[in-house]
Amino acid sequence: ADYYAQPAVKYAGNTADGLKQILTQKYLAFF
């Protein structure tokens, strides 16, 4: 909950910023 509450992590909605968050986390999961 604390991790997700961070502005850099909490989904910014169906926007360009939100898309970047999805792609960043996808990259991290591919490690």
Full PDB file with SEQRES, HELIX, SHEET, SSBOND, CRYST1, ORIGX, SCALE, CONECT and MASTER records, all heavy atoms in Angstrom:
SEQRES   1 A   31  ALA ASP TYR TYR ALA GLN PRO ALA VAL LYS TYR ALA GLY          
SEQRES   2 A   31  ASN THR ALA ASP GLY LEU LYS GLN ILE LEU THR GLN LYS          
SEQRES   3 A   31  TYR LEU ALA PHE PHE                                          
HELIX    1 AA1 ASP A    2  ALA A    5  1                                   4    
HELIX    2 AA2 ALA A   16  ALA A   29  1                                  14    
CRYST1    1.000    1.000    1.000  90.00  90.00  90.00 P 1           1          
ORIGX1      1.000000  0.000000  0.000000        0.00000                         
ORIGX2      0.000000  1.000000  0.000000        0.00000                         
ORIGX3      0.000000  0.000000  1.000000        0.00000                         
SCALE1      1.000000  0.000000  0.000000        0.00000                         
SCALE2      0.000000  1.000000  0.000000        0.00000                         
SCALE3      0.000000  0.000000  1.000000        0.00000                         
ATOM      1  N   ALA A   1       0.840  -1.212   0.000  1.00  0.00           N  
ATOM      2  CA  ALA A   1       0.000   0.000   0.000  1.00  0.00           C  
ATOM      3  C   ALA A   1       0.867   1.251   0.000  1.00  0.00           C  
ATOM      4  O   ALA A   1       0.586   2.215  -0.736  1.00  0.00           O  
ATOM      5  CB  ALA A   1      -0.930  -0.008   1.210  1.00  0.00           C  
ATOM      6  N   ASP A   2       1.925   1.248   0.822  1.00  0.00           N  
ATOM      7  CA  ASP A   2       2.816   2.409   0.867  1.00  0.00           C  
ATOM      8  C   ASP A   2       3.574   2.563  -0.454  1.00  0.00           C  
ATOM      9  O   ASP A   2       3.766   3.680  -0.940  1.00  0.00           O  
ATOM     10  CB  ASP A   2       3.812   2.277   2.021  1.00  0.00           C  
ATOM     11  CG  ASP A   2       3.146   2.431   3.381  1.00  0.00           C  
ATOM     12  OD1 ASP A   2       1.987   2.886   3.431  1.00  0.00           O  
ATOM     13  OD2 ASP A   2       3.793   2.081   4.395  1.00  0.00           O  
ATOM     14  N   TYR A   3       3.992   1.446  -0.992  1.00  0.00           N  
ATOM     15  CA  TYR A   3       4.694   1.484  -2.281  1.00  0.00           C  
ATOM     16  C   TYR A   3       3.788   2.075  -3.355  1.00  0.00           C  
ATOM     17  O   TYR A   3       4.178   2.979  -4.109  1.00  0.00           O  
ATOM     18  CB  TYR A   3       5.132   0.072  -2.667  1.00  0.00           C  
ATOM     19  CG  TYR A   3       5.751  -0.040  -4.047  1.00  0.00           C  
ATOM     20  CD1 TYR A   3       7.070   0.324  -4.285  1.00  0.00           C  
ATOM     21  CD2 TYR A   3       4.999  -0.530  -5.120  1.00  0.00           C  
ATOM     22  CE1 TYR A   3       7.634   0.205  -5.550  1.00  0.00           C  
ATOM     23  CE2 TYR A   3       5.553  -0.651  -6.383  1.00  0.00           C  
ATOM     24  CZ  TYR A   3       6.874  -0.268  -6.598  1.00  0.00           C  
ATOM     25  OH  TYR A   3       7.419  -0.378  -7.849  1.00  0.00           O  
ATOM     26  N   TYR A   4       2.558   1.575  -3.410  1.00  0.00           N  
ATOM     27  CA  TYR A   4       1.660   2.003  -4.479  1.00  0.00           C  
ATOM     28  C   TYR A   4       1.198   3.445  -4.295  1.00  0.00           C  
ATOM     29  O   TYR A   4       0.839   4.106  -5.279  1.00  0.00           O  
ATOM     30  CB  TYR A   4       0.443   1.071  -4.550  1.00  0.00           C  
ATOM     31  CG  TYR A   4      -0.382   1.307  -5.787  1.00  0.00           C  
ATOM     32  CD1 TYR A   4       0.093   0.897  -7.033  1.00  0.00           C  
ATOM     33  CD2 TYR A   4      -1.601   1.967  -5.730  1.00  0.00           C  
ATOM     34  CE1 TYR A   4      -0.644   1.136  -8.188  1.00  0.00           C  
ATOM     35  CE2 TYR A   4      -2.340   2.210  -6.872  1.00  0.00           C  
ATOM     36  CZ  TYR A   4      -1.849   1.797  -8.100  1.00  0.00           C  
ATOM     37  OH  TYR A   4      -2.559   2.046  -9.243  1.00  0.00           O  
ATOM     38  N   ALA A   5       1.227   3.946  -3.082  1.00  0.00           N  
ATOM     39  CA  ALA A   5       0.774   5.319  -2.824  1.00  0.00           C  
ATOM     40  C   ALA A   5       1.739   6.368  -3.360  1.00  0.00           C  
ATOM     41  O   ALA A   5       1.371   7.548  -3.472  1.00  0.00           O  
ATOM     42  CB  ALA A   5       0.571   5.519  -1.321  1.00  0.00           C  
ATOM     43  N   GLN A   6       2.943   5.951  -3.713  1.00  0.00           N  
ATOM     44  CA  GLN A   6       3.916   6.906  -4.251  1.00  0.00           C  
ATOM     45  C   GLN A   6       3.408   7.453  -5.592  1.00  0.00           C  
ATOM     46  O   GLN A   6       2.948   6.684  -6.450  1.00  0.00           O  
ATOM     47  CB  GLN A   6       5.273   6.239  -4.466  1.00  0.00           C  
ATOM     48  CG  GLN A   6       5.927   5.693  -3.206  1.00  0.00           C  
ATOM     49  CD  GLN A   6       7.224   4.978  -3.530  1.00  0.00           C  
ATOM     50  OE1 GLN A   6       8.319   5.522  -3.348  1.00  0.00           O  
ATOM     51  NE2 GLN A   6       7.109   3.747  -4.021  1.00  0.00           N  
ATOM     52  N   PRO A   7       3.508   8.764  -5.813  1.00  0.00           N  
ATOM     53  CA  PRO A   7       3.025   9.342  -7.080  1.00  0.00           C  
ATOM     54  C   PRO A   7       3.667   8.711  -8.316  1.00  0.00           C  
ATOM     55  O   PRO A   7       3.012   8.603  -9.362  1.00  0.00           O  
ATOM     56  CB  PRO A   7       3.409  10.820  -6.946  1.00  0.00           C  
ATOM     57  CG  PRO A   7       3.454  11.070  -5.478  1.00  0.00           C  
ATOM     58  CD  PRO A   7       3.964   9.794  -4.861  1.00  0.00           C  
ATOM     59  N   ALA A   8       4.909   8.279  -8.199  1.00  0.00           N  
ATOM     60  CA  ALA A   8       5.589   7.684  -9.349  1.00  0.00           C  
ATOM     61  C   ALA A   8       5.057   6.295  -9.681  1.00  0.00           C  
ATOM     62  O   ALA A   8       5.272   5.799 -10.791  1.00  0.00           O  
ATOM     63  CB  ALA A   8       7.093   7.617  -9.098  1.00  0.00           C  
ATOM     64  N   VAL A   9       4.363   5.681  -8.711  1.00  0.00           N  
ATOM     65  CA  VAL A   9       3.862   4.321  -8.900  1.00  0.00           C  
ATOM     66  C   VAL A   9       2.355   4.303  -9.118  1.00  0.00           C  
ATOM     67  O   VAL A   9       1.856   3.592  -9.995  1.00  0.00           O  
ATOM     68  CB  VAL A   9       4.226   3.426  -7.699  1.00  0.00           C  
ATOM     69  CG1 VAL A   9       3.665   2.011  -7.891  1.00  0.00           C  
ATOM     70  CG2 VAL A   9       5.736   3.374  -7.503  1.00  0.00           C  
ATOM     71  N   LYS A  10       1.604   5.062  -8.347  1.00  0.00           N  
ATOM     72  CA  LYS A  10       0.146   5.042  -8.441  1.00  0.00           C  
ATOM     73  C   LYS A  10      -0.296   5.418  -9.850  1.00  0.00           C  
ATOM     74  O   LYS A  10       0.133   6.428 -10.410  1.00  0.00           O  
ATOM     75  CB  LYS A  10      -0.476   5.992  -7.420  1.00  0.00           C  
ATOM     76  CG  LYS A  10      -1.994   5.927  -7.398  1.00  0.00           C  
ATOM     77  CD  LYS A  10      -2.576   6.737  -6.269  1.00  0.00           C  
ATOM     78  CE  LYS A  10      -4.107   6.732  -6.323  1.00  0.00           C  
ATOM     79  NZ  LYS A  10      -4.663   5.361  -6.289  1.00  0.00           N  
ATOM     80  N   TYR A  11      -1.161   4.584 -10.405  1.00  0.00           N  
ATOM     81  CA  TYR A  11      -1.561   4.735 -11.804  1.00  0.00           C  
ATOM     82  C   TYR A  11      -2.143   6.115 -12.074  1.00  0.00           C  
ATOM     83  O   TYR A  11      -3.063   6.575 -11.392  1.00  0.00           O  
ATOM     84  CB  TYR A  11      -2.569   3.654 -12.173  1.00  0.00           C  
ATOM     85  CG  TYR A  11      -2.923   3.620 -13.632  1.00  0.00           C  
ATOM     86  CD1 TYR A  11      -1.942   3.476 -14.609  1.00  0.00           C  
ATOM     87  CD2 TYR A  11      -4.249   3.713 -14.051  1.00  0.00           C  
ATOM     88  CE1 TYR A  11      -2.268   3.436 -15.954  1.00  0.00           C  
ATOM     89  CE2 TYR A  11      -4.588   3.665 -15.393  1.00  0.00           C  
ATOM     90  CZ  TYR A  11      -3.588   3.533 -16.339  1.00  0.00           C  
ATOM     91  OH  TYR A  11      -3.908   3.496 -17.686  1.00  0.00           O  
ATOM     92  N   ALA A  12      -1.607   6.769 -13.076  1.00  0.00           N  
ATOM     93  CA  ALA A  12      -1.995   8.141 -13.404  1.00  0.00           C  
ATOM     94  C   ALA A  12      -3.198   8.210 -14.330  1.00  0.00           C  
ATOM     95  O   ALA A  12      -3.534   9.285 -14.840  1.00  0.00           O  
ATOM     96  CB  ALA A  12      -0.809   8.871 -14.036  1.00  0.00           C  
ATOM     97  N   GLY A  13      -3.845   7.068 -14.567  1.00  0.00           N  
ATOM     98  CA  GLY A  13      -5.018   7.063 -15.435  1.00  0.00           C  
ATOM     99  C   GLY A  13      -4.653   6.739 -16.869  1.00  0.00           C  
ATOM    100  O   GLY A  13      -3.475   6.543 -17.221  1.00  0.00           O  
ATOM    101  N   ASN A  14      -5.650   6.692 -17.723  1.00  0.00           N  
ATOM    102  CA  ASN A  14      -5.432   6.328 -19.126  1.00  0.00           C  
ATOM    103  C   ASN A  14      -4.873   7.513 -19.910  1.00  0.00           C  
ATOM    104  O   ASN A  14      -5.515   8.083 -20.803  1.00  0.00           O  
ATOM    105  CB  ASN A  14      -6.730   5.829 -19.736  1.00  0.00           C  
ATOM    106  CG  ASN A  14      -7.205   4.544 -19.074  1.00  0.00           C  
ATOM    107  OD1 ASN A  14      -6.410   3.820 -18.475  1.00  0.00           O  
ATOM    108  ND2 ASN A  14      -8.489   4.259 -19.180  1.00  0.00           N  
ATOM    109  N   THR A  15      -3.671   7.870 -19.531  1.00  0.00           N  
ATOM    110  CA  THR A  15      -2.958   9.007 -20.114  1.00  0.00           C  
ATOM    111  C   THR A  15      -1.580   8.547 -20.566  1.00  0.00           C  
ATOM    112  O   THR A  15      -1.195   7.384 -20.360  1.00  0.00           O  
ATOM    113  CB  THR A  15      -2.788  10.114 -19.064  1.00  0.00           C  
ATOM    114  OG1 THR A  15      -1.978   9.598 -17.983  1.00  0.00           O  
ATOM    115  CG2 THR A  15      -4.128  10.563 -18.506  1.00  0.00           C  
ATOM    116  N   ALA A  16      -0.823   9.457 -21.150  1.00  0.00           N  
ATOM    117  CA  ALA A  16       0.542   9.131 -21.546  1.00  0.00           C  
ATOM    118  C   ALA A  16       1.393   8.781 -20.330  1.00  0.00           C  
ATOM    119  O   ALA A  16       2.238   7.867 -20.380  1.00  0.00           O  
ATOM    120  CB  ALA A  16       1.160  10.296 -22.318  1.00  0.00           C  
ATOM    121  N   ASP A  17       1.178   9.487 -19.223  1.00  0.00           N  
ATOM    122  CA  ASP A  17       1.919   9.185 -17.998  1.00  0.00           C  
ATOM    123  C   ASP A  17       1.550   7.807 -17.459  1.00  0.00           C  
ATOM    124  O   ASP A  17       2.415   7.051 -16.991  1.00  0.00           O  
ATOM    125  CB  ASP A  17       1.657  10.247 -16.934  1.00  0.00           C  
ATOM    126  CG  ASP A  17       2.330  11.583 -17.242  1.00  0.00           C  
ATOM    127  OD1 ASP A  17       3.286  11.593 -18.054  1.00  0.00           O  
ATOM    128  OD2 ASP A  17       1.900  12.619 -16.687  1.00  0.00           O  
ATOM    129  N   GLY A  18       0.264   7.493 -17.523  1.00  0.00           N  
ATOM    130  CA  GLY A  18      -0.174   6.174 -17.076  1.00  0.00           C  
ATOM    131  C   GLY A  18       0.425   5.070 -17.927  1.00  0.00           C  
ATOM    132  O   GLY A  18       0.833   4.014 -17.419  1.00  0.00           O  
ATOM    133  N   LEU A  19       0.493   5.291 -19.239  1.00  0.00           N  
ATOM    134  CA  LEU A  19       1.082   4.312 -20.140  1.00  0.00           C  
ATOM    135  C   LEU A  19       2.557   4.098 -19.811  1.00  0.00           C  
ATOM    136  O   LEU A  19       3.047   2.956 -19.779  1.00  0.00           O  
ATOM    137  CB  LEU A  19       0.930   4.771 -21.593  1.00  0.00           C  
ATOM    138  CG  LEU A  19       1.531   3.845 -22.660  1.00  0.00           C  
ATOM    139  CD1 LEU A  19       0.921   2.456 -22.586  1.00  0.00           C  
ATOM    140  CD2 LEU A  19       1.349   4.453 -24.051  1.00  0.00           C  
ATOM    141  N   LYS A  20       3.262   5.181 -19.521  1.00  0.00           N  
ATOM    142  CA  LYS A  20       4.678   5.057 -19.172  1.00  0.00           C  
ATOM    143  C   LYS A  20       4.855   4.244 -17.891  1.00  0.00           C  
ATOM    144  O   LYS A  20       5.793   3.447 -17.780  1.00  0.00           O  
ATOM    145  CB  LYS A  20       5.298   6.445 -19.011  1.00  0.00           C  
ATOM    146  CG  LYS A  20       6.800   6.413 -18.755  1.00  0.00           C  
ATOM    147  CD  LYS A  20       7.391   7.811 -18.700  1.00  0.00           C  
ATOM    148  CE  LYS A  20       8.906   7.749 -18.457  1.00  0.00           C  
ATOM    149  NZ  LYS A  20       9.494   9.113 -18.388  1.00  0.00           N  
ATOM    150  N   GLN A  21       3.964   4.424 -16.940  1.00  0.00           N  
ATOM    151  CA  GLN A  21       4.041   3.637 -15.703  1.00  0.00           C  
ATOM    152  C   GLN A  21       3.851   2.145 -15.989  1.00  0.00           C  
ATOM    153  O   GLN A  21       4.582   1.301 -15.461  1.00  0.00           O  
ATOM    154  CB  GLN A  21       2.975   4.117 -14.717  1.00  0.00           C  
ATOM    155  CG  GLN A  21       3.241   5.486 -14.122  1.00  0.00           C  
ATOM    156  CD  GLN A  21       2.062   5.957 -13.282  1.00  0.00           C  
ATOM    157  OE1 GLN A  21       0.910   5.888 -13.706  1.00  0.00           O  
ATOM    158  NE2 GLN A  21       2.361   6.429 -12.080  1.00  0.00           N  
ATOM    159  N   ILE A  22       2.867   1.831 -16.820  1.00  0.00           N  
ATOM    160  CA  ILE A  22       2.618   0.428 -17.184  1.00  0.00           C  
ATOM    161  C   ILE A  22       3.852  -0.175 -17.827  1.00  0.00           C  
ATOM    162  O   ILE A  22       4.304  -1.277 -17.475  1.00  0.00           O  
ATOM    163  CB  ILE A  22       1.412   0.322 -18.132  1.00  0.00           C  
ATOM    164  CG1 ILE A  22       0.126   0.719 -17.419  1.00  0.00           C  
ATOM    165  CG2 ILE A  22       1.296  -1.090 -18.703  1.00  0.00           C  
ATOM    166  CD1 ILE A  22      -1.057   0.924 -18.354  1.00  0.00           C  
ATOM    167  N   LEU A  23       4.427   0.536 -18.790  1.00  0.00           N  
ATOM    168  CA  LEU A  23       5.576   0.025 -19.535  1.00  0.00           C  
ATOM    169  C   LEU A  23       6.807  -0.094 -18.648  1.00  0.00           C  
ATOM    170  O   LEU A  23       7.611  -1.023 -18.810  1.00  0.00           O  
ATOM    171  CB  LEU A  23       5.857   0.924 -20.734  1.00  0.00           C  
ATOM    172  CG  LEU A  23       4.744   0.967 -21.791  1.00  0.00           C  
ATOM    173  CD1 LEU A  23       5.003   2.081 -22.797  1.00  0.00           C  
ATOM    174  CD2 LEU A  23       4.619  -0.376 -22.496  1.00  0.00           C  
ATOM    175  N   THR A  24       6.957   0.823 -17.699  1.00  0.00           N  
ATOM    176  CA  THR A  24       8.092   0.754 -16.772  1.00  0.00           C  
ATOM    177  C   THR A  24       7.983  -0.478 -15.884  1.00  0.00           C  
ATOM    178  O   THR A  24       8.964  -1.228 -15.706  1.00  0.00           O  
ATOM    179  CB  THR A  24       8.151   2.027 -15.900  1.00  0.00           C  
ATOM    180  OG1 THR A  24       8.361   3.159 -16.743  1.00  0.00           O  
ATOM    181  CG2 THR A  24       9.278   1.937 -14.882  1.00  0.00           C  
ATOM    182  N   GLN A  25       6.815  -0.712 -15.327  1.00  0.00           N  
ATOM    183  CA  GLN A  25       6.629  -1.876 -14.469  1.00  0.00           C  
ATOM    184  C   GLN A  25       6.717  -3.183 -15.271  1.00  0.00           C  
ATOM    185  O   GLN A  25       7.207  -4.203 -14.765  1.00  0.00           O  
ATOM    186  CB  GLN A  25       5.287  -1.792 -13.738  1.00  0.00           C  
ATOM    187  CG  GLN A  25       5.227  -0.728 -12.655  1.00  0.00           C  
ATOM    188  CD  GLN A  25       6.056  -1.085 -11.420  1.00  0.00           C  
ATOM    189  OE1 GLN A  25       6.455  -2.239 -11.225  1.00  0.00           O  
ATOM    190  NE2 GLN A  25       6.314  -0.091 -10.578  1.00  0.00           N  
ATOM    191  N   LYS A  26       6.287  -3.153 -16.496  1.00  0.00           N  
ATOM    192  CA  LYS A  26       6.423  -4.332 -17.348  1.00  0.00           C  
ATOM    193  C   LYS A  26       7.896  -4.648 -17.567  1.00  0.00           C  
ATOM    194  O   LYS A  26       8.315  -5.816 -17.504  1.00  0.00           O  
ATOM    195  CB  LYS A  26       5.718  -4.091 -18.688  1.00  0.00           C  
ATOM    196  CG  LYS A  26       5.644  -5.307 -19.606  1.00  0.00           C  
ATOM    197  CD  LYS A  26       4.877  -4.963 -20.879  1.00  0.00           C  
ATOM    198  CE  LYS A  26       4.631  -6.177 -21.750  1.00  0.00           C  
ATOM    199  NZ  LYS A  26       3.883  -5.834 -22.987  1.00  0.00           N  
ATOM    200  N   TYR A  27       8.683  -3.616 -17.808  1.00  0.00           N  
ATOM    201  CA  TYR A  27      10.138  -3.787 -17.968  1.00  0.00           C  
ATOM    202  C   TYR A  27      10.744  -4.400 -16.717  1.00  0.00           C  
ATOM    203  O   TYR A  27      11.549  -5.345 -16.794  1.00  0.00           O  
ATOM    204  CB  TYR A  27      10.773  -2.434 -18.283  1.00  0.00           C  
ATOM    205  CG  TYR A  27      12.281  -2.444 -18.298  1.00  0.00           C  
ATOM    206  CD1 TYR A  27      12.992  -2.954 -19.382  1.00  0.00           C  
ATOM    207  CD2 TYR A  27      13.006  -1.934 -17.224  1.00  0.00           C  
ATOM    208  CE1 TYR A  27      14.383  -2.962 -19.398  1.00  0.00           C  
ATOM    209  CE2 TYR A  27      14.395  -1.936 -17.223  1.00  0.00           C  
ATOM    210  CZ  TYR A  27      15.083  -2.452 -18.311  1.00  0.00           C  
ATOM    211  OH  TYR A  27      16.463  -2.454 -18.308  1.00  0.00           O  
ATOM    212  N   LEU A  28      10.372  -3.895 -15.546  1.00  0.00           N  
ATOM    213  CA  LEU A  28      10.924  -4.414 -14.296  1.00  0.00           C  
ATOM    214  C   LEU A  28      10.550  -5.884 -14.097  1.00  0.00           C  
ATOM    215  O   LEU A  28      11.353  -6.682 -13.612  1.00  0.00           O  
ATOM    216  CB  LEU A  28      10.432  -3.575 -13.118  1.00  0.00           C  
ATOM    217  CG  LEU A  28      10.869  -2.104 -13.098  1.00  0.00           C  
ATOM    218  CD1 LEU A  28      10.228  -1.370 -11.913  1.00  0.00           C  
ATOM    219  CD2 LEU A  28      12.389  -1.975 -13.042  1.00  0.00           C  
ATOM    220  N   ALA A  29       9.341  -6.257 -14.488  1.00  0.00           N  
ATOM    221  CA  ALA A  29       8.888  -7.638 -14.324  1.00  0.00           C  
ATOM    222  C   ALA A  29       9.576  -8.591 -15.292  1.00  0.00           C  
ATOM    223  O   ALA A  29       9.623  -9.804 -15.044  1.00  0.00           O  
ATOM    224  CB  ALA A  29       7.372  -7.711 -14.506  1.00  0.00           C  
ATOM    225  N   PHE A  30      10.100  -8.073 -16.385  1.00  0.00           N  
ATOM    226  CA  PHE A  30      10.798  -8.899 -17.369  1.00  0.00           C  
ATOM    227  C   PHE A  30      12.215  -9.281 -16.925  1.00  0.00           C  
ATOM    228  O   PHE A  30      12.890 -10.035 -17.622  1.00  0.00           O  
ATOM    229  CB  PHE A  30      10.911  -8.164 -18.709  1.00  0.00           C  
ATOM    230  CG  PHE A  30       9.778  -8.400 -19.664  1.00  0.00           C  
ATOM    231  CD1 PHE A  30       9.236  -7.351 -20.387  1.00  0.00           C  
ATOM    232  CD2 PHE A  30       9.261  -9.672 -19.876  1.00  0.00           C  
ATOM    233  CE1 PHE A  30       8.207  -7.558 -21.300  1.00  0.00           C  
ATOM    234  CE2 PHE A  30       8.235  -9.902 -20.774  1.00  0.00           C  
ATOM    235  CZ  PHE A  30       7.709  -8.830 -21.498  1.00  0.00           C  
ATOM    236  N   PHE A  31      12.689  -8.779 -15.795  1.00  0.00           N  
ATOM    237  CA  PHE A  31      14.088  -8.960 -15.404  1.00  0.00           C  
ATOM    238  C   PHE A  31      14.522 -10.425 -15.489  1.00  0.00           C  
ATOM    239  O   PHE A  31      13.964 -11.291 -14.833  1.00  0.00           O  
ATOM    240  CB  PHE A  31      14.311  -8.441 -13.982  1.00  0.00           C  
ATOM    241  CG  PHE A  31      15.739  -8.558 -13.510  1.00  0.00           C  
ATOM    242  CD1 PHE A  31      16.742  -7.814 -14.128  1.00  0.00           C  
ATOM    243  CD2 PHE A  31      16.080  -9.399 -12.474  1.00  0.00           C  
ATOM    244  CE1 PHE A  31      18.060  -7.909 -13.693  1.00  0.00           C  
ATOM    245  CE2 PHE A  31      17.394  -9.508 -12.036  1.00  0.00           C  
ATOM    246  CZ  PHE A  31      18.391  -8.766 -12.651  1.00  0.00           C  
TER     247      PHE A  31                                                      
MASTER        0    0    0    2    0    0    0    6  246    1    0    3          
END                                                                             
